[in-house]
Amino acid sequence: MFVAAFSVFCGVASVDDPSVAVGLLSAVVTGLGMTGLFFIPAAASRELPDVIRRRSRRTAAVPGEADPDPQ
C-alpha cells in the first residue's frame, strides 16, 4: 500500500499544477502497473506452454467425446 501511495504522490508532485485529474491519472497508471506486475509470474512460468497445449487439445476434441488427456 505504501508503494502505491508513494507512486501516486510522485505522479501528482511531478507536475506544475496538480489537480484531481492528475491524481486520478496517476492512480490509474499505478494500478495498471501493479496489475501487470501481478501477472508477470504467470506469464514467465515454464509450465505455461504445457498448459496452453493441454487446453488446445481439450478444445479441439469433438464435443461429446472423452478427453484424450484427462488431468
PDB file of N, CA and C in Angstrom:
ATOM      1  N   MET A   1       0.828  -1.192   0.000  1.00  0.00           N
ATOM      2  CA  MET A   1       0.000   0.000   0.000  1.00  0.00           C
ATOM      3  C   MET A   1       0.872   1.257   0.000  1.00  0.00           C
ATOM      4  N   PHE A   2       1.972   1.200   0.737  1.00  0.00           N
ATOM      5  CA  PHE A   2       2.863   2.357   0.791  1.00  0.00           C
ATOM      6  C   PHE A   2       3.435   2.665  -0.585  1.00  0.00           C
ATOM      7  N   VAL A   3       3.790   1.627  -1.330  1.00  0.00           N
ATOM      8  CA  VAL A   3       4.373   1.835  -2.661  1.00  0.00           C
ATOM      9  C   VAL A   3       3.359   2.489  -3.589  1.00  0.00           C
ATOM     10  N   ALA A   4       2.111   2.039  -3.540  1.00  0.00           N
ATOM     11  CA  ALA A   4       1.075   2.630  -4.388  1.00  0.00           C
ATOM     12  C   ALA A   4       0.832   4.091  -4.012  1.00  0.00           C
ATOM     13  N   ALA A   5       0.750   4.371  -2.728  1.00  0.00           N
ATOM     14  CA  ALA A   5       0.524   5.754  -2.291  1.00  0.00           C
ATOM     15  C   ALA A   5       1.700   6.647  -2.679  1.00  0.00           C
ATOM     16  N   PHE A   6       2.906   6.137  -2.528  1.00  0.00           N
ATOM     17  CA  PHE A   6       4.092   6.903  -2.895  1.00  0.00           C
ATOM     18  C   PHE A   6       4.145   7.150  -4.406  1.00  0.00           C
ATOM     19  N   SER A   7       3.741   6.151  -5.197  1.00  0.00           N
ATOM     20  CA  SER A   7       3.720   6.310  -6.648  1.00  0.00           C
ATOM     21  C   SER A   7       2.734   7.397  -7.072  1.00  0.00           C
ATOM     22  N   VAL A   8       1.547   7.380  -6.483  1.00  0.00           N
ATOM     23  CA  VAL A   8       0.547   8.403  -6.811  1.00  0.00           C
ATOM     24  C   VAL A   8       1.043   9.774  -6.355  1.00  0.00           C
ATOM     25  N   PHE A   9       1.634   9.851  -5.179  1.00  0.00           N
ATOM     26  CA  PHE A   9       2.170  11.124  -4.685  1.00  0.00           C
ATOM     27  C   PHE A   9       3.230  11.676  -5.640  1.00  0.00           C
ATOM     28  N   CYS A  10       4.133  10.806  -6.095  1.00  0.00           N
ATOM     29  CA  CYS A  10       5.183  11.261  -7.020  1.00  0.00           C
ATOM     30  C   CYS A  10       4.585  11.726  -8.347  1.00  0.00           C
ATOM     31  N   GLY A  11       3.557  11.036  -8.808  1.00  0.00           N
ATOM     32  CA  GLY A  11       2.905  11.455 -10.051  1.00  0.00           C
ATOM     33  C   GLY A  11       2.252  12.809  -9.921  1.00  0.00           C
ATOM     34  N   VAL A  12       1.633  13.087  -8.788  1.00  0.00           N
ATOM     35  CA  VAL A  12       0.974  14.380  -8.567  1.00  0.00           C
ATOM     36  C   VAL A  12       2.010  15.471  -8.310  1.00  0.00           C
ATOM     37  N   ALA A  13       3.044  15.145  -7.553  1.00  0.00           N
ATOM     38  CA  ALA A  13       4.051  16.149  -7.199  1.00  0.00           C
ATOM     39  C   ALA A  13       4.945  16.533  -8.373  1.00  0.00           C
ATOM     40  N   SER A  14       4.963  15.720  -9.421  1.00  0.00           N
ATOM     41  CA  SER A  14       5.877  15.990 -10.531  1.00  0.00           C
ATOM     42  C   SER A  14       5.329  17.016 -11.533  1.00  0.00           C
ATOM     43  N   VAL A  15       4.085  17.415 -11.403  1.00  0.00           N
ATOM     44  CA  VAL A  15       3.517  18.386 -12.342  1.00  0.00           C
ATOM     45  C   VAL A  15       3.493  19.772 -11.706  1.00  0.00           C
ATOM     46  N   ASP A  16       3.466  20.787 -12.571  1.00  0.00           N
ATOM     47  CA  ASP A  16       3.461  22.170 -12.084  1.00  0.00           C
ATOM     48  C   ASP A  16       2.135  22.558 -11.440  1.00  0.00           C
ATOM     49  N   ASP A  17       1.032  22.055 -11.987  1.00  0.00           N
ATOM     50  CA  ASP A  17      -0.294  22.423 -11.491  1.00  0.00           C
ATOM     51  C   ASP A  17      -1.061  21.157 -11.104  1.00  0.00           C
ATOM     52  N   PRO A  18      -0.857  20.628  -9.893  1.00  0.00           N
ATOM     53  CA  PRO A  18      -1.556  19.396  -9.504  1.00  0.00           C
ATOM     54  C   PRO A  18      -3.068  19.614  -9.431  1.00  0.00           C
ATOM     55  N   SER A  19      -3.795  18.636  -9.885  1.00  0.00           N
ATOM     56  CA  SER A  19      -5.254  18.704  -9.846  1.00  0.00           C
ATOM     57  C   SER A  19      -5.810  17.307  -9.598  1.00  0.00           C
ATOM     58  N   VAL A  20      -7.119  17.237  -9.493  1.00  0.00           N
ATOM     59  CA  VAL A  20      -7.779  15.944  -9.273  1.00  0.00           C
ATOM     60  C   VAL A  20      -7.549  15.038 -10.473  1.00  0.00           C
ATOM     61  N   ALA A  21      -7.596  15.593 -11.673  1.00  0.00           N
ATOM     62  CA  ALA A  21      -7.399  14.793 -12.879  1.00  0.00           C
ATOM     63  C   ALA A  21      -6.000  14.168 -12.903  1.00  0.00           C
ATOM     64  N   VAL A  22      -5.011  14.927 -12.487  1.00  0.00           N
ATOM     65  CA  VAL A  22      -3.645  14.396 -12.438  1.00  0.00           C
ATOM     66  C   VAL A  22      -3.560  13.273 -11.409  1.00  0.00           C
ATOM     67  N   GLY A  23      -4.203  13.453 -10.274  1.00  0.00           N
ATOM     68  CA  GLY A  23      -4.215  12.408  -9.251  1.00  0.00           C
ATOM     69  C   GLY A  23      -4.891  11.141  -9.727  1.00  0.00           C
ATOM     70  N   LEU A  24      -6.014  11.298 -10.415  1.00  0.00           N
ATOM     71  CA  LEU A  24      -6.712  10.129 -10.953  1.00  0.00           C
ATOM     72  C   LEU A  24      -5.885   9.421 -12.023  1.00  0.00           C
ATOM     73  N   LEU A  25      -5.274  10.187 -12.900  1.00  0.00           N
ATOM     74  CA  LEU A  25      -4.424   9.594 -13.933  1.00  0.00           C
ATOM     75  C   LEU A  25      -3.256   8.842 -13.306  1.00  0.00           C
ATOM     76  N   SER A  26      -2.643   9.438 -12.316  1.00  0.00           N
ATOM     77  CA  SER A  26      -1.532   8.790 -11.631  1.00  0.00           C
ATOM     78  C   SER A  26      -1.997   7.517 -10.932  1.00  0.00           C
ATOM     79  N   ALA A  27      -3.170   7.537 -10.329  1.00  0.00           N
ATOM     80  CA  ALA A  27      -3.705   6.341  -9.674  1.00  0.00           C
ATOM     81  C   ALA A  27      -4.002   5.240 -10.685  1.00  0.00           C
ATOM     82  N   VAL A  28      -4.536   5.596 -11.846  1.00  0.00           N
ATOM     83  CA  VAL A  28      -4.828   4.603 -12.882  1.00  0.00           C
ATOM     84  C   VAL A  28      -3.540   3.978 -13.405  1.00  0.00           C
ATOM     85  N   VAL A  29      -2.543   4.794 -13.677  1.00  0.00           N
ATOM     86  CA  VAL A  29      -1.272   4.275 -14.180  1.00  0.00           C
ATOM     87  C   VAL A  29      -0.615   3.374 -13.132  1.00  0.00           C
ATOM     88  N   THR A  30      -0.674   3.773 -11.873  1.00  0.00           N
ATOM     89  CA  THR A  30      -0.127   2.947 -10.797  1.00  0.00           C
ATOM     90  C   THR A  30      -0.869   1.621 -10.707  1.00  0.00           C
ATOM     91  N   GLY A  31      -2.185   1.659 -10.798  1.00  0.00           N
ATOM     92  CA  GLY A  31      -2.987   0.433 -10.749  1.00  0.00           C
ATOM     93  C   GLY A  31      -2.680  -0.503 -11.896  1.00  0.00           C
ATOM     94  N   LEU A  32      -2.553   0.047 -13.104  1.00  0.00           N
ATOM     95  CA  LEU A  32      -2.220  -0.787 -14.257  1.00  0.00           C
ATOM     96  C   LEU A  32      -0.835  -1.412 -14.104  1.00  0.00           C
ATOM     97  N   GLY A  33       0.101  -0.639 -13.592  1.00  0.00           N
ATOM     98  CA  GLY A  33       1.445  -1.166 -13.380  1.00  0.00           C
ATOM     99  C   GLY A  33       1.474  -2.278 -12.355  1.00  0.00           C
ATOM    100  N   MET A  34       0.742  -2.103 -11.274  1.00  0.00           N
ATOM    101  CA  MET A  34       0.707  -3.146 -10.250  1.00  0.00           C
ATOM    102  C   MET A  34      -0.019  -4.390 -10.750  1.00  0.00           C
ATOM    103  N   THR A  35      -1.035  -4.221 -11.575  1.00  0.00           N
ATOM    104  CA  THR A  35      -1.725  -5.357 -12.174  1.00  0.00           C
ATOM    105  C   THR A  35      -0.782  -6.117 -13.096  1.00  0.00           C
ATOM    106  N   GLY A  36      -0.012  -5.384 -13.885  1.00  0.00           N
ATOM    107  CA  GLY A  36       0.961  -6.030 -14.758  1.00  0.00           C
ATOM    108  C   GLY A  36       2.000  -6.797 -13.980  1.00  0.00           C
ATOM    109  N   LEU A  37       2.469  -6.241 -12.880  1.00  0.00           N
ATOM    110  CA  LEU A  37       3.441  -6.946 -12.049  1.00  0.00           C
ATOM    111  C   LEU A  37       2.843  -8.201 -11.437  1.00  0.00           C
ATOM    112  N   PHE A  38       1.548  -8.186 -11.176  1.00  0.00           N
ATOM    113  CA  PHE A  38       0.868  -9.356 -10.621  1.00  0.00           C
ATOM    114  C   PHE A  38       0.873 -10.510 -11.620  1.00  0.00           C
ATOM    115  N   PHE A  39       0.758 -10.208 -12.936  1.00  0.00           N
ATOM    116  CA  PHE A  39       0.660 -11.255 -13.952  1.00  0.00           C
ATOM    117  C   PHE A  39       2.005 -11.718 -14.501  1.00  0.00           C
ATOM    118  N   ILE A  40       3.105 -11.054 -14.169  1.00  0.00           N
ATOM    119  CA  ILE A  40       4.414 -11.460 -14.685  1.00  0.00           C
ATOM    120  C   ILE A  40       4.776 -12.890 -14.282  1.00  0.00           C
ATOM    121  N   PRO A  41       4.597 -13.320 -13.031  1.00  0.00           N
ATOM    122  CA  PRO A  41       4.973 -14.701 -12.696  1.00  0.00           C
ATOM    123  C   PRO A  41       4.220 -15.743 -13.522  1.00  0.00           C
ATOM    124  N   ALA A  42       2.945 -15.525 -13.795  1.00  0.00           N
ATOM    125  CA  ALA A  42       2.190 -16.483 -14.596  1.00  0.00           C
ATOM    126  C   ALA A  42       2.693 -16.510 -16.034  1.00  0.00           C
ATOM    127  N   ALA A  43       3.007 -15.357 -16.583  1.00  0.00           N
ATOM    128  CA  ALA A  43       3.476 -15.292 -17.962  1.00  0.00           C
ATOM    129  C   ALA A  43       4.892 -15.844 -18.101  1.00  0.00           C
ATOM    130  N   ALA A  44       5.688 -15.774 -17.055  1.00  0.00           N
ATOM    131  CA  ALA A  44       7.065 -16.256 -17.105  1.00  0.00           C
ATOM    132  C   ALA A  44       7.196 -17.713 -16.666  1.00  0.00           C
ATOM    133  N   SER A  45       6.091 -18.346 -16.337  1.00  0.00           N
ATOM    134  CA  SER A  45       6.131 -19.715 -15.856  1.00  0.00           C
ATOM    135  C   SER A  45       6.597 -20.676 -16.949  1.00  0.00           C
ATOM    136  N   ARG A  46       7.419 -21.638 -16.568  1.00  0.00           N
ATOM    137  CA  ARG A  46       7.877 -22.652 -17.533  1.00  0.00           C
ATOM    138  C   ARG A  46       6.756 -23.613 -17.887  1.00  0.00           C
ATOM    139  N   GLU A  47       5.725 -23.675 -17.074  1.00  0.00           N
ATOM    140  CA  GLU A  47       4.614 -24.585 -17.329  1.00  0.00           C
ATOM    141  C   GLU A  47       3.580 -23.989 -18.278  1.00  0.00           C
ATOM    142  N   LEU A  48       3.674 -22.718 -18.587  1.00  0.00           N
ATOM    143  CA  LEU A  48       2.663 -22.063 -19.417  1.00  0.00           C
ATOM    144  C   LEU A  48       2.509 -22.719 -20.792  1.00  0.00           C
ATOM    145  N   PRO A  49       3.592 -23.027 -21.522  1.00  0.00           N
ATOM    146  CA  PRO A  49       3.401 -23.696 -22.829  1.00  0.00           C
ATOM    147  C   PRO A  49       2.685 -25.037 -22.705  1.00  0.00           C
ATOM    148  N   ASP A  50       2.960 -25.800 -21.642  1.00  0.00           N
ATOM    149  CA  ASP A  50       2.280 -27.083 -21.449  1.00  0.00           C
ATOM    150  C   ASP A  50       0.800 -26.888 -21.185  1.00  0.00           C
ATOM    151  N   VAL A  51       0.471 -25.896 -20.397  1.00  0.00           N
ATOM    152  CA  VAL A  51      -0.936 -25.615 -20.105  1.00  0.00           C
ATOM    153  C   VAL A  51      -1.670 -25.210 -21.381  1.00  0.00           C
ATOM    154  N   ILE A  52      -1.039 -24.388 -22.207  1.00  0.00           N
ATOM    155  CA  ILE A  52      -1.667 -23.951 -23.454  1.00  0.00           C
ATOM    156  C   ILE A  52      -1.895 -25.143 -24.376  1.00  0.00           C
ATOM    157  N   ARG A  53      -0.895 -26.034 -24.474  1.00  0.00           N
ATOM    158  CA  ARG A  53      -1.047 -27.228 -25.327  1.00  0.00           C
ATOM    159  C   ARG A  53      -2.184 -28.110 -24.828  1.00  0.00           C
ATOM    160  N   ARG A  54      -2.244 -28.345 -23.512  1.00  0.00           N
ATOM    161  CA  ARG A  54      -3.311 -29.196 -22.975  1.00  0.00           C
ATOM    162  C   ARG A  54      -4.682 -28.596 -23.236  1.00  0.00           C
ATOM    163  N   ARG A  55      -4.807 -27.304 -23.062  1.00  0.00           N
ATOM    164  CA  ARG A  55      -6.115 -26.664 -23.278  1.00  0.00           C
ATOM    165  C   ARG A  55      -6.497 -26.668 -24.750  1.00  0.00           C
ATOM    166  N   SER A  56      -5.518 -26.505 -25.633  1.00  0.00           N
ATOM    167  CA  SER A  56      -5.850 -26.506 -27.054  1.00  0.00           C
ATOM    168  C   SER A  56      -6.277 -27.902 -27.497  1.00  0.00           C
ATOM    169  N   ARG A  57      -5.663 -28.958 -26.949  1.00  0.00           N
ATOM    170  CA  ARG A  57      -6.088 -30.323 -27.268  1.00  0.00           C
ATOM    171  C   ARG A  57      -7.485 -30.582 -26.734  1.00  0.00           C
ATOM    172  N   ARG A  58      -7.776 -30.049 -25.557  1.00  0.00           N
ATOM    173  CA  ARG A  58      -9.077 -30.274 -24.940  1.00  0.00           C
ATOM    174  C   ARG A  58     -10.176 -29.587 -25.743  1.00  0.00           C
ATOM    175  N   THR A  59      -9.919 -28.396 -26.258  1.00  0.00           N
ATOM    176  CA  THR A  59     -10.947 -27.690 -27.029  1.00  0.00           C
ATOM    177  C   THR A  59     -11.042 -28.217 -28.453  1.00  0.00           C
ATOM    178  N   ALA A  60      -9.979 -28.876 -28.950  1.00  0.00           N
ATOM    179  CA  ALA A  60     -10.006 -29.423 -30.307  1.00  0.00           C
ATOM    180  C   ALA A  60     -10.776 -30.737 -30.361  1.00  0.00           C
ATOM    181  N   ALA A  61     -11.013 -31.378 -29.223  1.00  0.00           N
ATOM    182  CA  ALA A  61     -11.754 -32.631 -29.185  1.00  0.00           C
ATOM    183  C   ALA A  61     -13.202 -32.386 -29.608  1.00  0.00           C
ATOM    184  N   VAL A  62     -13.775 -33.403 -30.243  1.00  0.00           N
ATOM    185  CA  VAL A  62     -15.159 -33.308 -30.695  1.00  0.00           C
ATOM    186  C   VAL A  62     -16.075 -33.274 -29.468  1.00  0.00           C
ATOM    187  N   PRO A  63     -17.071 -32.404 -29.458  1.00  0.00           N
ATOM    188  CA  PRO A  63     -17.976 -32.353 -28.322  1.00  0.00           C
ATOM    189  C   PRO A  63     -18.665 -33.698 -28.107  1.00  0.00           C
ATOM    190  N   GLY A  64     -18.731 -34.139 -26.878  1.00  0.00           N
ATOM    191  CA  GLY A  64     -19.364 -35.407 -26.561  1.00  0.00           C
ATOM    192  C   GLY A  64     -18.366 -36.537 -26.426  1.00  0.00           C
ATOM    193  N   GLU A  65     -17.131 -36.353 -26.895  1.00  0.00           N
ATOM    194  CA  GLU A  65     -16.110 -37.394 -26.763  1.00  0.00           C
ATOM    195  C   GLU A  65     -15.393 -37.237 -25.437  1.00  0.00           C
ATOM    196  N   ALA A  66     -14.781 -38.344 -25.005  1.00  0.00           N
ATOM    197  CA  ALA A  66     -13.984 -38.286 -23.774  1.00  0.00           C
ATOM    198  C   ALA A  66     -12.707 -37.528 -24.043  1.00  0.00           C
ATOM    199  N   ASP A  67     -12.204 -36.840 -23.037  1.00  0.00           N
ATOM    200  CA  ASP A  67     -10.950 -36.093 -23.150  1.00  0.00           C
ATOM    201  C   ASP A  67      -9.802 -37.084 -23.278  1.00  0.00           C
ATOM    202  N   PRO A  68      -8.957 -36.981 -24.336  1.00  0.00           N
ATOM    203  CA  PRO A  68      -7.876 -37.943 -24.518  1.00  0.00           C
ATOM    204  C   PRO A  68      -6.781 -37.838 -23.461  1.00  0.00           C
ATOM    205  N   ASP A  69      -6.676 -36.692 -22.805  1.00  0.00           N
ATOM    206  CA  ASP A  69      -5.619 -36.478 -21.810  1.00  0.00           C
ATOM    207  C   ASP A  69      -6.223 -35.861 -20.554  1.00  0.00           C
ATOM    208  N   PRO A  70      -7.002 -36.633 -19.784  1.00  0.00           N
ATOM    209  CA  PRO A  70      -7.633 -36.018 -18.604  1.00  0.00           C
ATOM    210  C   PRO A  70      -6.619 -35.743 -17.508  1.00  0.00           C
ATOM    211  N   GLN A  71      -6.569 -34.500 -17.076  1.00  0.00           N
ATOM    212  CA  GLN A  71      -5.661 -34.093 -15.998  1.00  0.00           C
ATOM    213  C   GLN A  71      -6.267 -32.997 -15.200  1.00  0.00           C
TER     214      GLN A  71
END
